[in-house]
């Protein structure tokens, strides 16, 4: 099954090659075309990282610092 991040990884080179090629064929200079395509690729990566951020195991696992998980122990005196 293709997930969101698989699509993002496929869109990055497709955007860089397809958009820069299309813009250069439309008459835009290659430097400007690659810059615009890289900016769109950067926006795709930014969306994948910050807007639709991946959720790791620490978000689904129970918290280890839960008060009921361990007994209350007083401070240790090192003297």
PDB file of N, CA and C in Angstrom:
ATOM      1  N   UNK A   1       0.836  -1.177   0.000  1.00  0.00           N
ATOM      2  CA  UNK A   1       0.000   0.000   0.000  1.00  0.00           C
ATOM      3  C   UNK A   1       0.886   1.246   0.000  1.00  0.00           C
ATOM      4  N   UNK A   2       0.587   2.162  -0.852  1.00  0.00           N
ATOM      5  CA  UNK A   2       1.357   3.388  -0.969  1.00  0.00           C
ATOM      6  C   UNK A   2       0.864   4.398   0.043  1.00  0.00           C
ATOM      7  N   UNK A   3       1.777   4.852   0.890  1.00  0.00           N
ATOM      8  CA  UNK A   3       1.431   5.825   1.914  1.00  0.00           C
ATOM      9  C   UNK A   3       1.791   7.235   1.488  1.00  0.00           C
ATOM     10  N   UNK A   4       1.511   8.159   2.359  1.00  0.00           N
ATOM     11  CA  UNK A   4       1.760   9.575   2.097  1.00  0.00           C
ATOM     12  C   UNK A   4       3.239   9.844   1.846  1.00  0.00           C
ATOM     13  N   UNK A   5       4.107   9.260   2.669  1.00  0.00           N
ATOM     14  CA  UNK A   5       5.529   9.535   2.562  1.00  0.00           C
ATOM     15  C   UNK A   5       6.140   8.863   1.334  1.00  0.00           C
ATOM     16  N   UNK A   6       5.568   7.771   0.864  1.00  0.00           N
ATOM     17  CA  UNK A   6       5.995   7.178  -0.402  1.00  0.00           C
ATOM     18  C   UNK A   6       5.684   8.124  -1.558  1.00  0.00           C
ATOM     19  N   UNK A   7       4.523   8.748  -1.506  1.00  0.00           N
ATOM     20  CA  UNK A   7       4.169   9.722  -2.536  1.00  0.00           C
ATOM     21  C   UNK A   7       5.079  10.952  -2.489  1.00  0.00           C
ATOM     22  N   UNK A   8       5.435  11.379  -1.297  1.00  0.00           N
ATOM     23  CA  UNK A   8       6.329  12.530  -1.157  1.00  0.00           C
ATOM     24  C   UNK A   8       7.684  12.204  -1.764  1.00  0.00           C
ATOM     25  N   UNK A   9       8.199  11.007  -1.482  1.00  0.00           N
ATOM     26  CA  UNK A   9       9.494  10.625  -2.036  1.00  0.00           C
ATOM     27  C   UNK A   9       9.446  10.508  -3.550  1.00  0.00           C
ATOM     28  N   UNK A  10       8.310  10.152  -4.103  1.00  0.00           N
ATOM     29  CA  UNK A  10       8.172  10.103  -5.547  1.00  0.00           C
ATOM     30  C   UNK A  10       7.981  11.473  -6.178  1.00  0.00           C
ATOM     31  N   UNK A  11       7.340  12.376  -5.445  1.00  0.00           N
ATOM     32  CA  UNK A  11       7.081  13.707  -5.982  1.00  0.00           C
ATOM     33  C   UNK A  11       8.322  14.591  -6.043  1.00  0.00           C
ATOM     34  N   UNK A  12       9.293  14.342  -5.204  1.00  0.00           N
ATOM     35  CA  UNK A  12      10.479  15.203  -5.173  1.00  0.00           C
ATOM     36  C   UNK A  12      11.240  15.152  -6.500  1.00  0.00           C
ATOM     37  N   UNK A  13      11.679  13.974  -6.985  1.00  0.00           N
ATOM     38  CA  UNK A  13      12.376  13.989  -8.289  1.00  0.00           C
ATOM     39  C   UNK A  13      11.448  14.322  -9.447  1.00  0.00           C
ATOM     40  N   UNK A  14      10.177  13.929  -9.340  1.00  0.00           N
ATOM     41  CA  UNK A  14       9.231  14.254 -10.398  1.00  0.00           C
ATOM     42  C   UNK A  14       9.060  15.766 -10.529  1.00  0.00           C
ATOM     43  N   UNK A  15       9.018  16.442  -9.400  1.00  0.00           N
ATOM     44  CA  UNK A  15       8.909  17.896  -9.411  1.00  0.00           C
ATOM     45  C   UNK A  15      10.170  18.538  -9.969  1.00  0.00           C
ATOM     46  N   UNK A  16      11.331  18.060  -9.502  1.00  0.00           N
ATOM     47  CA  UNK A  16      12.578  18.664  -9.954  1.00  0.00           C
ATOM     48  C   UNK A  16      12.775  18.493 -11.453  1.00  0.00           C
ATOM     49  N   UNK A  17      12.547  17.282 -11.959  1.00  0.00           N
ATOM     50  CA  UNK A  17      12.763  17.036 -13.383  1.00  0.00           C
ATOM     51  C   UNK A  17      11.605  17.555 -14.234  1.00  0.00           C
ATOM     52  N   UNK A  18      10.386  17.236 -13.827  1.00  0.00           N
ATOM     53  CA  UNK A  18       9.226  17.599 -14.638  1.00  0.00           C
ATOM     54  C   UNK A  18       8.965  19.085 -14.697  1.00  0.00           C
ATOM     55  N   UNK A  19       8.977  19.725 -13.555  1.00  0.00           N
ATOM     56  CA  UNK A  19       8.679  21.153 -13.525  1.00  0.00           C
ATOM     57  C   UNK A  19       9.796  21.975 -14.152  1.00  0.00           C
ATOM     58  N   UNK A  20      11.042  21.625 -13.850  1.00  0.00           N
ATOM     59  CA  UNK A  20      12.139  22.385 -14.452  1.00  0.00           C
ATOM     60  C   UNK A  20      12.190  22.155 -15.960  1.00  0.00           C
ATOM     61  N   UNK A  21      11.912  20.940 -16.416  1.00  0.00           N
ATOM     62  CA  UNK A  21      11.865  20.685 -17.856  1.00  0.00           C
ATOM     63  C   UNK A  21      10.722  21.410 -18.531  1.00  0.00           C
ATOM     64  N   UNK A  22       9.569  21.410 -17.900  1.00  0.00           N
ATOM     65  CA  UNK A  22       8.406  22.104 -18.471  1.00  0.00           C
ATOM     66  C   UNK A  22       8.622  23.603 -18.541  1.00  0.00           C
ATOM     67  N   UNK A  23       9.186  24.149 -17.487  1.00  0.00           N
ATOM     68  CA  UNK A  23       9.436  25.593 -17.486  1.00  0.00           C
ATOM     69  C   UNK A  23      10.507  25.980 -18.499  1.00  0.00           C
ATOM     70  N   UNK A  24      11.536  25.157 -18.649  1.00  0.00           N
ATOM     71  CA  UNK A  24      12.574  25.492 -19.626  1.00  0.00           C
ATOM     72  C   UNK A  24      12.052  25.351 -21.048  1.00  0.00           C
ATOM     73  N   UNK A  25      11.143  24.394 -21.276  1.00  0.00           N
ATOM     74  CA  UNK A  25      10.529  24.273 -22.604  1.00  0.00           C
ATOM     75  C   UNK A  25       9.576  25.444 -22.884  1.00  0.00           C
ATOM     76  N   UNK A  26       9.051  26.052 -21.841  1.00  0.00           N
ATOM     77  CA  UNK A  26       8.153  27.191 -22.004  1.00  0.00           C
ATOM     78  C   UNK A  26       8.903  28.501 -22.228  1.00  0.00           C
ATOM     79  N   UNK A  27      10.234  28.456 -22.158  1.00  0.00           N
ATOM     80  CA  UNK A  27      11.010  29.646 -22.440  1.00  0.00           C
ATOM     81  C   UNK A  27      11.671  30.285 -21.245  1.00  0.00           C
ATOM     82  N   UNK A  28      11.494  29.716 -20.067  1.00  0.00           N
ATOM     83  CA  UNK A  28      12.133  30.255 -18.867  1.00  0.00           C
ATOM     84  C   UNK A  28      13.589  29.784 -18.870  1.00  0.00           C
ATOM     85  N   UNK A  29      14.491  30.617 -18.414  1.00  0.00           N
ATOM     86  CA  UNK A  29      15.898  30.203 -18.366  1.00  0.00           C
ATOM     87  C   UNK A  29      16.051  29.002 -17.445  1.00  0.00           C
ATOM     88  N   UNK A  30      17.059  28.185 -17.727  1.00  0.00           N
ATOM     89  CA  UNK A  30      17.238  26.942 -16.963  1.00  0.00           C
ATOM     90  C   UNK A  30      17.548  27.235 -15.496  1.00  0.00           C
ATOM     91  N   UNK A  31      18.240  28.323 -15.234  1.00  0.00           N
ATOM     92  CA  UNK A  31      18.538  28.684 -13.840  1.00  0.00           C
ATOM     93  C   UNK A  31      17.269  29.024 -13.074  1.00  0.00           C
ATOM     94  N   UNK A  32      16.398  29.773 -13.686  1.00  0.00           N
ATOM     95  CA  UNK A  32      15.134  30.124 -13.027  1.00  0.00           C
ATOM     96  C   UNK A  32      14.223  28.910 -12.916  1.00  0.00           C
ATOM     97  N   UNK A  33      14.220  28.057 -13.926  1.00  0.00           N
ATOM     98  CA  UNK A  33      13.359  26.872 -13.908  1.00  0.00           C
ATOM     99  C   UNK A  33      13.772  25.915 -12.794  1.00  0.00           C
ATOM    100  N   UNK A  34      15.066  25.697 -12.645  1.00  0.00           N
ATOM    101  CA  UNK A  34      15.544  24.803 -11.587  1.00  0.00           C
ATOM    102  C   UNK A  34      15.287  25.413 -10.212  1.00  0.00           C
ATOM    103  N   UNK A  35      15.430  26.721 -10.105  1.00  0.00           N
ATOM    104  CA  UNK A  35      15.166  27.389  -8.822  1.00  0.00           C
ATOM    105  C   UNK A  35      13.702  27.258  -8.421  1.00  0.00           C
ATOM    106  N   UNK A  36      12.807  27.459  -9.355  1.00  0.00           N
ATOM    107  CA  UNK A  36      11.377  27.331  -9.059  1.00  0.00           C
ATOM    108  C   UNK A  36      11.040  25.881  -8.718  1.00  0.00           C
ATOM    109  N   UNK A  37      11.581  24.926  -9.473  1.00  0.00           N
ATOM    110  CA  UNK A  37      11.301  23.513  -9.212  1.00  0.00           C
ATOM    111  C   UNK A  37      11.858  23.080  -7.861  1.00  0.00           C
ATOM    112  N   UNK A  38      13.041  23.552  -7.512  1.00  0.00           N
ATOM    113  CA  UNK A  38      13.620  23.219  -6.206  1.00  0.00           C
ATOM    114  C   UNK A  38      12.814  23.833  -5.072  1.00  0.00           C
ATOM    115  N   UNK A  39      12.268  25.010  -5.281  1.00  0.00           N
ATOM    116  CA  UNK A  39      11.432  25.646  -4.260  1.00  0.00           C
ATOM    117  C   UNK A  39      10.148  24.862  -4.038  1.00  0.00           C
ATOM    118  N   UNK A  40       9.556  24.380  -5.116  1.00  0.00           N
ATOM    119  CA  UNK A  40       8.346  23.555  -4.981  1.00  0.00           C
ATOM    120  C   UNK A  40       8.688  22.247  -4.281  1.00  0.00           C
ATOM    121  N   UNK A  41       9.824  21.647  -4.632  1.00  0.00           N
ATOM    122  CA  UNK A  41      10.259  20.426  -3.934  1.00  0.00           C
ATOM    123  C   UNK A  41      10.506  20.672  -2.457  1.00  0.00           C
ATOM    124  N   UNK A  42      11.076  21.817  -2.145  1.00  0.00           N
ATOM    125  CA  UNK A  42      11.306  22.176  -0.743  1.00  0.00           C
ATOM    126  C   UNK A  42       9.995  22.363   0.005  1.00  0.00           C
ATOM    127  N   UNK A  43       9.004  22.933  -0.641  1.00  0.00           N
ATOM    128  CA  UNK A  43       7.690  23.084  -0.012  1.00  0.00           C
ATOM    129  C   UNK A  43       7.037  21.725   0.244  1.00  0.00           C
ATOM    130  N   UNK A  44       7.227  20.787  -0.663  1.00  0.00           N
ATOM    131  CA  UNK A  44       6.685  19.430  -0.470  1.00  0.00           C
ATOM    132  C   UNK A  44       7.350  18.764   0.730  1.00  0.00           C
ATOM    133  N   UNK A  45       8.664  18.873   0.816  1.00  0.00           N
ATOM    134  CA  UNK A  45       9.390  18.292   1.956  1.00  0.00           C
ATOM    135  C   UNK A  45       8.991  18.987   3.251  1.00  0.00           C
ATOM    136  N   UNK A  46       8.847  20.302   3.222  1.00  0.00           N
ATOM    137  CA  UNK A  46       8.434  21.035   4.418  1.00  0.00           C
ATOM    138  C   UNK A  46       7.054  20.640   4.885  1.00  0.00           C
ATOM    139  N   UNK A  47       6.163  20.391   3.940  1.00  0.00           N
ATOM    140  CA  UNK A  47       4.821  19.929   4.315  1.00  0.00           C
ATOM    141  C   UNK A  47       4.894  18.553   4.962  1.00  0.00           C
ATOM    142  N   UNK A  48       5.722  17.678   4.407  1.00  0.00           N
ATOM    143  CA  UNK A  48       5.843  16.324   4.959  1.00  0.00           C
ATOM    144  C   UNK A  48       6.487  16.326   6.337  1.00  0.00           C
ATOM    145  N   UNK A  49       7.366  17.266   6.600  1.00  0.00           N
ATOM    146  CA  UNK A  49       8.051  17.291   7.894  1.00  0.00           C
ATOM    147  C   UNK A  49       7.295  18.041   8.975  1.00  0.00           C
ATOM    148  N   UNK A  50       6.674  19.163   8.616  1.00  0.00           N
ATOM    149  CA  UNK A  50       6.123  20.033   9.642  1.00  0.00           C
ATOM    150  C   UNK A  50       4.599  20.069   9.691  1.00  0.00           C
ATOM    151  N   UNK A  51       3.932  19.982   8.562  1.00  0.00           N
ATOM    152  CA  UNK A  51       2.474  20.045   8.566  1.00  0.00           C
ATOM    153  C   UNK A  51       1.885  18.666   8.833  1.00  0.00           C
ATOM    154  N   UNK A  52       2.375  17.671   8.102  1.00  0.00           N
ATOM    155  CA  UNK A  52       1.909  16.300   8.273  1.00  0.00           C
ATOM    156  C   UNK A  52       3.070  15.486   8.825  1.00  0.00           C
ATOM    157  N   UNK A  53       3.503  15.824  10.020  1.00  0.00           N
ATOM    158  CA  UNK A  53       4.709  15.243  10.603  1.00  0.00           C
ATOM    159  C   UNK A  53       4.532  13.764  10.897  1.00  0.00           C
ATOM    160  N   UNK A  54       5.610  12.997  10.700  1.00  0.00           N
ATOM    161  CA  UNK A  54       5.538  11.576  11.041  1.00  0.00           C
ATOM    162  C   UNK A  54       5.436  11.396  12.551  1.00  0.00           C
ATOM    163  N   UNK A  55       4.713  10.381  12.968  1.00  0.00           N
ATOM    164  CA  UNK A  55       4.532  10.096  14.385  1.00  0.00           C
ATOM    165  C   UNK A  55       5.388   8.892  14.725  1.00  0.00           C
ATOM    166  N   UNK A  56       6.276   9.054  15.693  1.00  0.00           N
ATOM    167  CA  UNK A  56       7.161   7.969  16.106  1.00  0.00           C
ATOM    168  C   UNK A  56       6.521   7.090  17.157  1.00  0.00           C
ATOM    169  N   UNK A  57       7.275   6.108  17.608  1.00  0.00           N
ATOM    170  CA  UNK A  57       6.767   5.177  18.607  1.00  0.00           C
ATOM    171  C   UNK A  57       6.593   5.832  19.962  1.00  0.00           C
ATOM    172  N   UNK A  58       7.372   6.853  20.236  1.00  0.00           N
ATOM    173  CA  UNK A  58       7.267   7.488  21.549  1.00  0.00           C
ATOM    174  C   UNK A  58       5.918   8.159  21.757  1.00  0.00           C
ATOM    175  N   UNK A  59       5.234   8.504  20.674  1.00  0.00           N
ATOM    176  CA  UNK A  59       3.917   9.127  20.819  1.00  0.00           C
ATOM    177  C   UNK A  59       2.838   8.089  21.101  1.00  0.00           C
ATOM    178  N   UNK A  60       3.061   6.854  20.677  1.00  0.00           N
ATOM    179  CA  UNK A  60       2.054   5.821  20.890  1.00  0.00           C
ATOM    180  C   UNK A  60       2.350   4.950  22.105  1.00  0.00           C
ATOM    181  N   UNK A  61       3.586   4.933  22.584  1.00  0.00           N
ATOM    182  CA  UNK A  61       3.955   4.119  23.736  1.00  0.00           C
ATOM    183  C   UNK A  61       3.523   4.828  25.015  1.00  0.00           C
ATOM    184  N   UNK A  62       3.214   4.071  26.064  1.00  0.00           N
ATOM    185  CA  UNK A  62       2.847   4.709  27.337  1.00  0.00           C
ATOM    186  C   UNK A  62       4.047   5.441  27.927  1.00  0.00           C
ATOM    187  N   UNK A  63       3.770   6.496  28.621  1.00  0.00           N
ATOM    188  CA  UNK A  63       4.830   7.319  29.200  1.00  0.00           C
ATOM    189  C   UNK A  63       5.541   6.575  30.316  1.00  0.00           C
ATOM    190  N   UNK A  64       6.873   6.635  30.312  1.00  0.00           N
ATOM    191  CA  UNK A  64       7.670   5.943  31.319  1.00  0.00           C
ATOM    192  C   UNK A  64       7.698   6.722  32.632  1.00  0.00           C
ATOM    193  N   UNK A  65       7.424   8.017  32.587  1.00  0.00           N
ATOM    194  CA  UNK A  65       7.469   8.819  33.799  1.00  0.00           C
ATOM    195  C   UNK A  65       6.098   8.929  34.480  1.00  0.00           C
ATOM    196  N   UNK A  66       5.218   8.005  34.205  1.00  0.00           N
ATOM    197  CA  UNK A  66       3.900   7.989  34.825  1.00  0.00           C
ATOM    198  C   UNK A  66       4.056   7.736  36.325  1.00  0.00           C
ATOM    199  N   UNK A  67       3.300   8.444  37.128  1.00  0.00           N
ATOM    200  CA  UNK A  67       3.426   8.332  38.590  1.00  0.00           C
ATOM    201  C   UNK A  67       3.028   6.943  39.085  1.00  0.00           C
ATOM    202  N   UNK A  68       2.114   6.271  38.428  1.00  0.00           N
ATOM    203  CA  UNK A  68       1.699   4.948  38.881  1.00  0.00           C
ATOM    204  C   UNK A  68       2.647   3.857  38.416  1.00  0.00           C
ATOM    205  N   UNK A  69       3.594   4.159  37.538  1.00  0.00           N
ATOM    206  CA  UNK A  69       4.496   3.147  37.003  1.00  0.00           C
ATOM    207  C   UNK A  69       5.619   2.817  37.984  1.00  0.00           C
ATOM    208  N   UNK A  70       6.048   3.771  38.799  1.00  0.00           N
ATOM    209  CA  UNK A  70       7.138   3.511  39.732  1.00  0.00           C
ATOM    210  C   UNK A  70       6.786   4.091  41.100  1.00  0.00           C
ATOM    211  N   UNK A  71       7.302   3.467  42.165  1.00  0.00           N
ATOM    212  CA  UNK A  71       7.008   3.993  43.511  1.00  0.00           C
ATOM    213  C   UNK A  71       7.752   5.308  43.740  1.00  0.00           C
ATOM    214  N   UNK A  72       7.205   6.123  44.623  1.00  0.00           N
ATOM    215  CA  UNK A  72       7.827   7.389  44.948  1.00  0.00           C
ATOM    216  C   UNK A  72       9.038   7.131  45.842  1.00  0.00           C
ATOM    217  N   UNK A  73      10.177   7.638  45.419  1.00  0.00           N
ATOM    218  CA  UNK A  73      11.419   7.467  46.174  1.00  0.00           C
ATOM    219  C   UNK A  73      11.928   8.846  46.509  1.00  0.00           C
ATOM    220  N   UNK A  74      12.382   9.020  47.756  1.00  0.00           N
ATOM    221  CA  UNK A  74      12.902  10.296  48.188  1.00  0.00           C
ATOM    222  C   UNK A  74      14.271  10.564  47.613  1.00  0.00           C
ATOM    223  N   UNK A  75      14.794  11.763  47.825  1.00  0.00           N
ATOM    224  CA  UNK A  75      16.145  12.108  47.313  1.00  0.00           C
ATOM    225  C   UNK A  75      17.222  11.284  47.988  1.00  0.00           C
ATOM    226  N   UNK A  76      18.279  11.034  47.259  1.00  0.00           N
ATOM    227  CA  UNK A  76      19.391  10.244  47.778  1.00  0.00           C
ATOM    228  C   UNK A  76      20.390  11.188  48.427  1.00  0.00           C
ATOM    229  N   UNK A  77      20.808  10.853  49.646  1.00  0.00           N
ATOM    230  CA  UNK A  77      21.818  11.646  50.342  1.00  0.00           C
ATOM    231  C   UNK A  77      23.167  11.008  50.070  1.00  0.00           C
ATOM    232  N   UNK A  78      24.071  11.716  49.412  1.00  0.00           N
ATOM    233  CA  UNK A  78      25.367  11.167  49.032  1.00  0.00           C
ATOM    234  C   UNK A  78      26.402  11.280  50.143  1.00  0.00           C
ATOM    235  N   UNK A  79      26.070  11.883  51.282  1.00  0.00           N
ATOM    236  CA  UNK A  79      27.034  12.050  52.359  1.00  0.00           C
ATOM    237  C   UNK A  79      27.175  10.811  53.182  1.00  0.00           C
TER     238      UNK A  79
END
